[in-house]
Amino acid sequence: MPKFFVKNQDINSKEIKIIGEDVNHIKNVLRKKVGDKITICDVDNSKDYLCDIVMLEKEMIVCNKMEELESDAESNIKVTIFQGLPKADKMELIIQKAVELGVNDITPVEMKRCVVKLDEKDKKKKVERWQKIAEVAAKQSGRNIIPKINQVDSVKNICNLCPKYDIVIVAYENEKCNKLKYEIEKLKLKQENNLKIAVLIGPEGGIEEAEVKMLKESGAKVVTLGNRILRTETVALNVLSIMMYEFE
């Protein structure tokens, strides 16, 4: 059964209102009618509800909560991806698949070797589009949150954020000794839930040595992902798959 997201609802009310693009999808694509049931996720409390449609209007659908549904769609770790800006189609793929795999949020990062250069107007438009892609992917994969696509940031600012995470991992093709699995083993020794993990990934041209040094000095752990050099759009999917396998 398709899932739809709502927010800013009265948590004490049995009534849920759906507005926006989902109204057209429910009415004209799924052809739902009064009395039909749909699953709705309230993103404010990350809870799923089985709901009964009680009113279909042109720009709004009103439903009644029938029961709260059990859901284990969210991971017991919170993973942030700091993604060096790649070409547009690659970023869209990264966001879509990362959301499916369980990412908590994604921050696009301007780096020295980024081919893509965005002005402030372009940044705003891109983030809005990327957020929509995240929402669609969250619906498709049955998530209980819509992972946030943060504003485009810089490596310098990422360095300042390092203390907020239990670990910040930098995937770097020139690292030869420290493997990702070594850092995962250290994390597992903490035996904690809700670990906050950040992964920084370079763009198509990779990460500059000076950027790696700056991140390392801020406490980030630089790791190798193996003997083969991966495309930037492969790295997030590789690391997320490993993380979810090891910690979920």
C-alpha atoms as a PDB file:
ATOM      1  CA  MET A   1       0.000   0.000   0.000  1.00  0.00           C
ATOM      2  CA  PRO A   2       1.475   3.420  -0.963  1.00  0.00           C
ATOM      3  CA  LYS A   3       2.564   5.706   1.856  1.00  0.00           C
ATOM      4  CA  PHE A   4       1.929   9.446   1.960  1.00  0.00           C
ATOM      5  CA  PHE A   5       3.637  12.055   4.129  1.00  0.00           C
ATOM      6  CA  VAL A   6       1.957  14.844   6.088  1.00  0.00           C
ATOM      7  CA  LYS A   7       3.201  17.415   8.589  1.00  0.00           C
ATOM      8  CA  ASN A   8       1.860  20.143  10.867  1.00  0.00           C
ATOM      9  CA  GLN A   9      -1.065  17.961  11.937  1.00  0.00           C
ATOM     10  CA  ASP A  10      -2.855  18.080  15.295  1.00  0.00           C
ATOM     11  CA  ILE A  11      -1.459  14.998  17.038  1.00  0.00           C
ATOM     12  CA  ASN A  12      -4.505  14.816  19.326  1.00  0.00           C
ATOM     13  CA  SER A  13      -6.946  14.753  16.430  1.00  0.00           C
ATOM     14  CA  LYS A  14      -8.120  11.641  14.599  1.00  0.00           C
ATOM     15  CA  GLU A  15      -8.350  13.687  11.430  1.00  0.00           C
ATOM     16  CA  ILE A  16      -5.503  14.010   8.930  1.00  0.00           C
ATOM     17  CA  LYS A  17      -5.564  16.386   5.960  1.00  0.00           C
ATOM     18  CA  ILE A  18      -3.605  15.813   2.754  1.00  0.00           C
ATOM     19  CA  ILE A  19      -2.862  18.730   0.439  1.00  0.00           C
ATOM     20  CA  GLY A  20      -0.551  19.381  -2.503  1.00  0.00           C
ATOM     21  CA  GLU A  21       0.534  17.008  -5.271  1.00  0.00           C
ATOM     22  CA  ASP A  22      -0.531  13.896  -3.361  1.00  0.00           C
ATOM     23  CA  VAL A  23      -4.190  14.875  -3.766  1.00  0.00           C
ATOM     24  CA  ASN A  24      -3.996  14.437  -7.537  1.00  0.00           C
ATOM     25  CA  HIS A  25      -2.030  11.195  -7.191  1.00  0.00           C
ATOM     26  CA  ILE A  26      -4.526   9.663  -4.772  1.00  0.00           C
ATOM     27  CA  LYS A  27      -7.601  10.762  -6.755  1.00  0.00           C
ATOM     28  CA  ASN A  28      -6.524  10.429 -10.370  1.00  0.00           C
ATOM     29  CA  VAL A  29      -3.659   7.933 -10.399  1.00  0.00           C
ATOM     30  CA  LEU A  30      -4.628   5.528  -7.632  1.00  0.00           C
ATOM     31  CA  ARG A  31      -8.323   6.378  -8.129  1.00  0.00           C
ATOM     32  CA  LYS A  32      -9.052   6.152  -4.422  1.00  0.00           C
ATOM     33  CA  LYS A  33     -12.554   6.913  -3.210  1.00  0.00           C
ATOM     34  CA  VAL A  34     -14.291   7.697   0.072  1.00  0.00           C
ATOM     35  CA  GLY A  35     -14.048   4.595   2.241  1.00  0.00           C
ATOM     36  CA  ASP A  36     -10.733   3.429   0.762  1.00  0.00           C
ATOM     37  CA  LYS A  37      -7.732   3.030   3.035  1.00  0.00           C
ATOM     38  CA  ILE A  38      -4.254   4.518   2.698  1.00  0.00           C
ATOM     39  CA  THR A  39      -1.122   4.614   4.844  1.00  0.00           C
ATOM     40  CA  ILE A  40      -0.040   8.037   6.065  1.00  0.00           C
ATOM     41  CA  CYS A  41       3.212   8.916   7.821  1.00  0.00           C
ATOM     42  CA  ASP A  42       3.201  11.965  10.087  1.00  0.00           C
ATOM     43  CA  VAL A  43       6.772  13.216   9.638  1.00  0.00           C
ATOM     44  CA  ASP A  44       6.516  15.329  12.801  1.00  0.00           C
ATOM     45  CA  ASN A  45       6.433  12.200  14.970  1.00  0.00           C
ATOM     46  CA  SER A  46       7.679   9.624  12.413  1.00  0.00           C
ATOM     47  CA  LYS A  47       4.597   7.434  12.944  1.00  0.00           C
ATOM     48  CA  ASP A  48       2.590   5.505  10.376  1.00  0.00           C
ATOM     49  CA  TYR A  49      -1.207   5.341  10.462  1.00  0.00           C
ATOM     50  CA  LEU A  50      -3.732   3.258   8.566  1.00  0.00           C
ATOM     51  CA  CYS A  51      -6.319   5.817   7.517  1.00  0.00           C
ATOM     52  CA  ASP A  52      -9.809   5.815   6.052  1.00  0.00           C
ATOM     53  CA  ILE A  53     -10.648   8.444   3.405  1.00  0.00           C
ATOM     54  CA  VAL A  54     -13.720  10.389   4.530  1.00  0.00           C
ATOM     55  CA  MET A  55     -13.682  13.368   2.159  1.00  0.00           C
ATOM     56  CA  LEU A  56     -12.286  14.010  -1.326  1.00  0.00           C
ATOM     57  CA  GLU A  57     -12.144  17.629  -2.412  1.00  0.00           C
ATOM     58  CA  LYS A  58     -10.417  19.341  -5.330  1.00  0.00           C
ATOM     59  CA  GLU A  59      -7.351  20.439  -3.341  1.00  0.00           C
ATOM     60  CA  MET A  60      -7.612  18.423  -0.129  1.00  0.00           C
ATOM     61  CA  ILE A  61      -8.289  14.910   1.116  1.00  0.00           C
ATOM     62  CA  VAL A  62      -9.495  14.316   4.653  1.00  0.00           C
ATOM     63  CA  CYS A  63      -8.822  11.008   6.383  1.00  0.00           C
ATOM     64  CA  ASN A  64      -9.505   9.491   9.790  1.00  0.00           C
ATOM     65  CA  LYS A  65      -6.824   7.572  11.665  1.00  0.00           C
ATOM     66  CA  MET A  66      -7.902   3.954  12.149  1.00  0.00           C
ATOM     67  CA  GLU A  67      -4.801   2.574  13.852  1.00  0.00           C
ATOM     68  CA  GLU A  68      -1.109   3.232  14.374  1.00  0.00           C
ATOM     69  CA  LEU A  69       1.075   0.852  12.394  1.00  0.00           C
ATOM     70  CA  GLU A  70       4.274  -0.786  13.540  1.00  0.00           C
ATOM     71  CA  SER A  71       7.252   0.263  11.447  1.00  0.00           C
ATOM     72  CA  ASP A  72      10.920  -0.665  11.504  1.00  0.00           C
ATOM     73  CA  ALA A  73      11.891   1.297   8.396  1.00  0.00           C
ATOM     74  CA  GLU A  74      14.372   3.536  10.212  1.00  0.00           C
ATOM     75  CA  SER A  75      17.850   2.488  11.225  1.00  0.00           C
ATOM     76  CA  ASN A  76      19.344   2.573  14.716  1.00  0.00           C
ATOM     77  CA  ILE A  77      22.175   4.733  13.353  1.00  0.00           C
ATOM     78  CA  LYS A  78      21.973   8.197  11.811  1.00  0.00           C
ATOM     79  CA  VAL A  79      24.184   8.570   8.770  1.00  0.00           C
ATOM     80  CA  THR A  80      24.930  11.911   7.139  1.00  0.00           C
ATOM     81  CA  ILE A  81      26.475  12.009   3.670  1.00  0.00           C
ATOM     82  CA  PHE A  82      28.682  15.003   2.837  1.00  0.00           C
ATOM     83  CA  GLN A  83      28.817  14.699  -0.936  1.00  0.00           C
ATOM     84  CA  GLY A  84      31.303  16.643  -3.044  1.00  0.00           C
ATOM     85  CA  LEU A  85      29.216  18.235  -5.788  1.00  0.00           C
ATOM     86  CA  PRO A  86      29.128  15.964  -8.853  1.00  0.00           C
ATOM     87  CA  LYS A  87      27.300  16.495 -12.124  1.00  0.00           C
ATOM     88  CA  ALA A  88      23.536  16.914 -11.707  1.00  0.00           C
ATOM     89  CA  ASP A  89      22.408  13.483 -12.870  1.00  0.00           C
ATOM     90  CA  LYS A  90      24.907  11.798 -10.548  1.00  0.00           C
ATOM     91  CA  MET A  91      23.721  13.820  -7.543  1.00  0.00           C
ATOM     92  CA  GLU A  92      20.142  12.815  -8.235  1.00  0.00           C
ATOM     93  CA  LEU A  93      21.128   9.145  -8.361  1.00  0.00           C
ATOM     94  CA  ILE A  94      23.125   9.446  -5.122  1.00  0.00           C
ATOM     95  CA  ILE A  95      20.189  11.066  -3.321  1.00  0.00           C
ATOM     96  CA  GLN A  96      17.623   8.573  -4.578  1.00  0.00           C
ATOM     97  CA  LYS A  97      19.636   5.485  -3.678  1.00  0.00           C
ATOM     98  CA  ALA A  98      21.017   6.870  -0.410  1.00  0.00           C
ATOM     99  CA  VAL A  99      17.469   7.580   0.786  1.00  0.00           C
ATOM    100  CA  GLU A 100      16.417   4.047  -0.140  1.00  0.00           C
ATOM    101  CA  LEU A 101      19.382   2.676   1.815  1.00  0.00           C
ATOM    102  CA  GLY A 102      18.559   4.645   4.980  1.00  0.00           C
ATOM    103  CA  VAL A 103      20.548   7.895   4.985  1.00  0.00           C
ATOM    104  CA  ASN A 104      19.435  10.482   7.555  1.00  0.00           C
ATOM    105  CA  ASP A 105      20.466  13.605   5.639  1.00  0.00           C
ATOM    106  CA  ILE A 106      22.698  14.721   2.780  1.00  0.00           C
ATOM    107  CA  THR A 107      24.810  17.854   2.464  1.00  0.00           C
ATOM    108  CA  PRO A 108      26.210  18.850  -0.952  1.00  0.00           C
ATOM    109  CA  VAL A 109      29.767  20.173  -0.526  1.00  0.00           C
ATOM    110  CA  GLU A 110      31.746  22.551  -2.715  1.00  0.00           C
ATOM    111  CA  MET A 111      35.302  21.237  -3.059  1.00  0.00           C
ATOM    112  CA  LYS A 112      38.354  22.337  -4.991  1.00  0.00           C
ATOM    113  CA  ARG A 113      38.066  19.635  -7.634  1.00  0.00           C
ATOM    114  CA  CYS A 114      34.328  19.988  -8.221  1.00  0.00           C
ATOM    115  CA  VAL A 115      33.542  20.280 -11.924  1.00  0.00           C
ATOM    116  CA  VAL A 116      30.153  21.796 -11.102  1.00  0.00           C
ATOM    117  CA  LYS A 117      30.083  25.426  -9.960  1.00  0.00           C
ATOM    118  CA  LEU A 118      26.787  26.828  -8.687  1.00  0.00           C
ATOM    119  CA  ASP A 119      25.821  30.417  -7.990  1.00  0.00           C
ATOM    120  CA  GLU A 120      23.492  31.234  -5.089  1.00  0.00           C
ATOM    121  CA  LYS A 121      20.367  31.165  -7.255  1.00  0.00           C
ATOM    122  CA  ASP A 122      21.305  27.793  -8.736  1.00  0.00           C
ATOM    123  CA  LYS A 123      22.034  26.370  -5.285  1.00  0.00           C
ATOM    124  CA  LYS A 124      18.547  27.181  -4.046  1.00  0.00           C
ATOM    125  CA  LYS A 125      16.870  25.650  -7.105  1.00  0.00           C
ATOM    126  CA  LYS A 126      19.036  22.538  -6.973  1.00  0.00           C
ATOM    127  CA  VAL A 127      18.391  21.918  -3.275  1.00  0.00           C
ATOM    128  CA  GLU A 128      14.636  22.270  -3.832  1.00  0.00           C
ATOM    129  CA  ARG A 129      14.761  19.731  -6.660  1.00  0.00           C
ATOM    130  CA  TRP A 130      16.986  17.366  -4.683  1.00  0.00           C
ATOM    131  CA  GLN A 131      14.626  17.587  -1.701  1.00  0.00           C
ATOM    132  CA  LYS A 132      11.743  16.529  -3.930  1.00  0.00           C
ATOM    133  CA  ILE A 133      13.768  13.549  -5.169  1.00  0.00           C
ATOM    134  CA  ALA A 134      14.437  12.586  -1.549  1.00  0.00           C
ATOM    135  CA  GLU A 135      10.726  12.782  -0.744  1.00  0.00           C
ATOM    136  CA  VAL A 136       9.741  10.566  -3.669  1.00  0.00           C
ATOM    137  CA  ALA A 137      12.426   8.025  -2.749  1.00  0.00           C
ATOM    138  CA  ALA A 138      11.292   8.063   0.895  1.00  0.00           C
ATOM    139  CA  LYS A 139       7.713   7.285  -0.155  1.00  0.00           C
ATOM    140  CA  GLN A 140       8.803   4.520  -2.484  1.00  0.00           C
ATOM    141  CA  SER A 141      10.981   2.838   0.135  1.00  0.00           C
ATOM    142  CA  GLY A 142       8.505   3.169   3.015  1.00  0.00           C
ATOM    143  CA  ARG A 143      10.659   5.483   5.136  1.00  0.00           C
ATOM    144  CA  ASN A 144       9.276   7.154   8.269  1.00  0.00           C
ATOM    145  CA  ILE A 145      11.185  10.354   7.656  1.00  0.00           C
ATOM    146  CA  ILE A 146      11.989  12.431   4.612  1.00  0.00           C
ATOM    147  CA  PRO A 147      15.783  12.771   4.713  1.00  0.00           C
ATOM    148  CA  LYS A 148      16.762  16.409   4.516  1.00  0.00           C
ATOM    149  CA  ILE A 149      18.914  17.787   1.716  1.00  0.00           C
ATOM    150  CA  ASN A 150      20.884  20.538   3.426  1.00  0.00           C
ATOM    151  CA  GLN A 151      22.162  23.719   1.845  1.00  0.00           C
ATOM    152  CA  VAL A 152      25.414  23.530  -0.133  1.00  0.00           C
ATOM    153  CA  ASP A 153      28.345  23.810   2.289  1.00  0.00           C
ATOM    154  CA  SER A 154      32.156  24.038   2.270  1.00  0.00           C
ATOM    155  CA  VAL A 155      34.890  21.744   3.551  1.00  0.00           C
ATOM    156  CA  LYS A 156      35.890  24.394   6.077  1.00  0.00           C
ATOM    157  CA  ASN A 157      32.413  24.402   7.609  1.00  0.00           C
ATOM    158  CA  ILE A 158      32.299  20.591   7.587  1.00  0.00           C
ATOM    159  CA  CYS A 159      35.478  20.620   9.688  1.00  0.00           C
ATOM    160  CA  ASN A 160      33.670  22.728  12.289  1.00  0.00           C
ATOM    161  CA  LEU A 161      30.844  20.161  12.389  1.00  0.00           C
ATOM    162  CA  CYS A 162      33.096  17.160  13.104  1.00  0.00           C
ATOM    163  CA  PRO A 163      32.648  17.259  16.917  1.00  0.00           C
ATOM    164  CA  LYS A 164      28.873  16.813  16.492  1.00  0.00           C
ATOM    165  CA  TYR A 165      29.348  13.268  15.189  1.00  0.00           C
ATOM    166  CA  ASP A 166      30.534  10.060  16.827  1.00  0.00           C
ATOM    167  CA  ILE A 167      32.746   9.666  13.777  1.00  0.00           C
ATOM    168  CA  VAL A 168      33.389  11.465  10.491  1.00  0.00           C
ATOM    169  CA  ILE A 169      34.739   9.138   7.816  1.00  0.00           C
ATOM    170  CA  VAL A 170      36.563  10.453   4.757  1.00  0.00           C
ATOM    171  CA  ALA A 171      36.717   8.054   1.812  1.00  0.00           C
ATOM    172  CA  TYR A 172      40.081   8.776   0.155  1.00  0.00           C
ATOM    173  CA  GLU A 173      41.633   6.827  -2.723  1.00  0.00           C
ATOM    174  CA  ASN A 174      45.200   7.595  -1.602  1.00  0.00           C
ATOM    175  CA  GLU A 175      44.746   6.088   1.864  1.00  0.00           C
ATOM    176  CA  LYS A 176      46.346   2.638   1.906  1.00  0.00           C
ATOM    177  CA  CYS A 177      46.313   1.426   5.502  1.00  0.00           C
ATOM    178  CA  ASN A 178      43.227   2.410   7.481  1.00  0.00           C
ATOM    179  CA  LYS A 179      40.301   0.346   6.236  1.00  0.00           C
ATOM    180  CA  LEU A 180      36.623   1.173   6.726  1.00  0.00           C
ATOM    181  CA  LYS A 181      36.122  -2.068   8.610  1.00  0.00           C
ATOM    182  CA  TYR A 182      38.683  -1.001  11.248  1.00  0.00           C
ATOM    183  CA  GLU A 183      36.650   2.119  12.050  1.00  0.00           C
ATOM    184  CA  ILE A 184      33.414   0.120  12.112  1.00  0.00           C
ATOM    185  CA  GLU A 185      34.941  -2.323  14.587  1.00  0.00           C
ATOM    186  CA  LYS A 186      35.873   0.585  16.882  1.00  0.00           C
ATOM    187  CA  LEU A 187      32.341   1.977  16.665  1.00  0.00           C
ATOM    188  CA  LYS A 188      30.837  -1.396  17.518  1.00  0.00           C
ATOM    189  CA  LEU A 189      32.855  -1.469  20.744  1.00  0.00           C
ATOM    190  CA  LYS A 190      30.824   1.533  21.940  1.00  0.00           C
ATOM    191  CA  GLN A 191      27.689  -0.671  21.881  1.00  0.00           C
ATOM    192  CA  GLU A 192      25.491   2.397  21.479  1.00  0.00           C
ATOM    193  CA  ASN A 193      22.304   3.033  19.537  1.00  0.00           C
ATOM    194  CA  ASN A 194      21.635   6.173  17.524  1.00  0.00           C
ATOM    195  CA  LEU A 195      25.278   6.649  16.625  1.00  0.00           C
ATOM    196  CA  LYS A 196      25.783   9.761  14.513  1.00  0.00           C
ATOM    197  CA  ILE A 197      28.023   8.873  11.591  1.00  0.00           C
ATOM    198  CA  ALA A 198      29.122  11.228   8.814  1.00  0.00           C
ATOM    199  CA  VAL A 199      30.751  10.164   5.565  1.00  0.00           C
ATOM    200  CA  LEU A 200      32.531  12.671   3.330  1.00  0.00           C
ATOM    201  CA  ILE A 201      32.889  11.775  -0.339  1.00  0.00           C
ATOM    202  CA  GLY A 202      34.825  13.644  -2.996  1.00  0.00           C
ATOM    203  CA  PRO A 203      33.485  14.739  -6.411  1.00  0.00           C
ATOM    204  CA  GLU A 204      34.527  13.222  -9.751  1.00  0.00           C
ATOM    205  CA  GLY A 205      38.018  14.682  -9.435  1.00  0.00           C
ATOM    206  CA  GLY A 206      38.536  13.371  -5.907  1.00  0.00           C
ATOM    207  CA  ILE A 207      39.552  15.191  -2.723  1.00  0.00           C
ATOM    208  CA  GLU A 208      42.568  17.499  -2.641  1.00  0.00           C
ATOM    209  CA  GLU A 209      45.335  16.502  -0.247  1.00  0.00           C
ATOM    210  CA  ALA A 210      45.014  19.865   1.544  1.00  0.00           C
ATOM    211  CA  GLU A 211      41.302  19.200   2.164  1.00  0.00           C
ATOM    212  CA  VAL A 212      42.070  15.744   3.546  1.00  0.00           C
ATOM    213  CA  LYS A 213      44.693  17.243   5.867  1.00  0.00           C
ATOM    214  CA  MET A 214      42.237  19.856   7.121  1.00  0.00           C
ATOM    215  CA  LEU A 215      39.575  17.212   7.808  1.00  0.00           C
ATOM    216  CA  LYS A 216      42.074  14.940   9.533  1.00  0.00           C
ATOM    217  CA  GLU A 217      43.186  17.770  11.810  1.00  0.00           C
ATOM    218  CA  SER A 218      39.529  18.308  12.730  1.00  0.00           C
ATOM    219  CA  GLY A 219      39.215  14.708  13.912  1.00  0.00           C
ATOM    220  CA  ALA A 220      37.928  12.942  10.793  1.00  0.00           C
ATOM    221  CA  LYS A 221      39.074   9.394  10.076  1.00  0.00           C
ATOM    222  CA  VAL A 222      40.493   8.856   6.596  1.00  0.00           C
ATOM    223  CA  VAL A 223      39.810   5.386   5.187  1.00  0.00           C
ATOM    224  CA  THR A 224      40.361   3.267   2.119  1.00  0.00           C
ATOM    225  CA  LEU A 225      37.431   1.392   0.560  1.00  0.00           C
ATOM    226  CA  GLY A 226      39.661  -1.197  -1.091  1.00  0.00           C
ATOM    227  CA  ASN A 227      42.056  -1.632  -3.966  1.00  0.00           C
ATOM    228  CA  ARG A 228      39.719  -0.327  -6.655  1.00  0.00           C
ATOM    229  CA  ILE A 229      38.915   3.343  -7.228  1.00  0.00           C
ATOM    230  CA  LEU A 230      35.145   3.861  -7.125  1.00  0.00           C
ATOM    231  CA  ARG A 231      33.145   6.482  -8.983  1.00  0.00           C
ATOM    232  CA  THR A 232      31.771   9.210  -6.737  1.00  0.00           C
ATOM    233  CA  GLU A 233      28.200   7.983  -7.276  1.00  0.00           C
ATOM    234  CA  THR A 234      29.212   4.501  -6.107  1.00  0.00           C
ATOM    235  CA  VAL A 235      30.886   5.466  -2.839  1.00  0.00           C
ATOM    236  CA  ALA A 236      27.813   6.559  -0.855  1.00  0.00           C
ATOM    237  CA  LEU A 237      25.928   3.423  -1.861  1.00  0.00           C
ATOM    238  CA  ASN A 238      28.890   1.233  -0.978  1.00  0.00           C
ATOM    239  CA  VAL A 239      29.436   2.768   2.461  1.00  0.00           C
ATOM    240  CA  LEU A 240      25.730   2.972   3.345  1.00  0.00           C
ATOM    241  CA  SER A 241      25.173  -0.671   2.414  1.00  0.00           C
ATOM    242  CA  ILE A 242      28.053  -1.738   4.641  1.00  0.00           C
ATOM    243  CA  MET A 243      26.914   0.491   7.536  1.00  0.00           C
ATOM    244  CA  MET A 244      23.323  -0.764   7.456  1.00  0.00           C
ATOM    245  CA  TYR A 245      24.479  -4.377   7.258  1.00  0.00           C
ATOM    246  CA  GLU A 246      26.828  -3.964  10.216  1.00  0.00           C
ATOM    247  CA  PHE A 247      24.602  -1.937  12.547  1.00  0.00           C
ATOM    248  CA  GLU A 248      20.946  -2.704  11.765  1.00  0.00           C
END
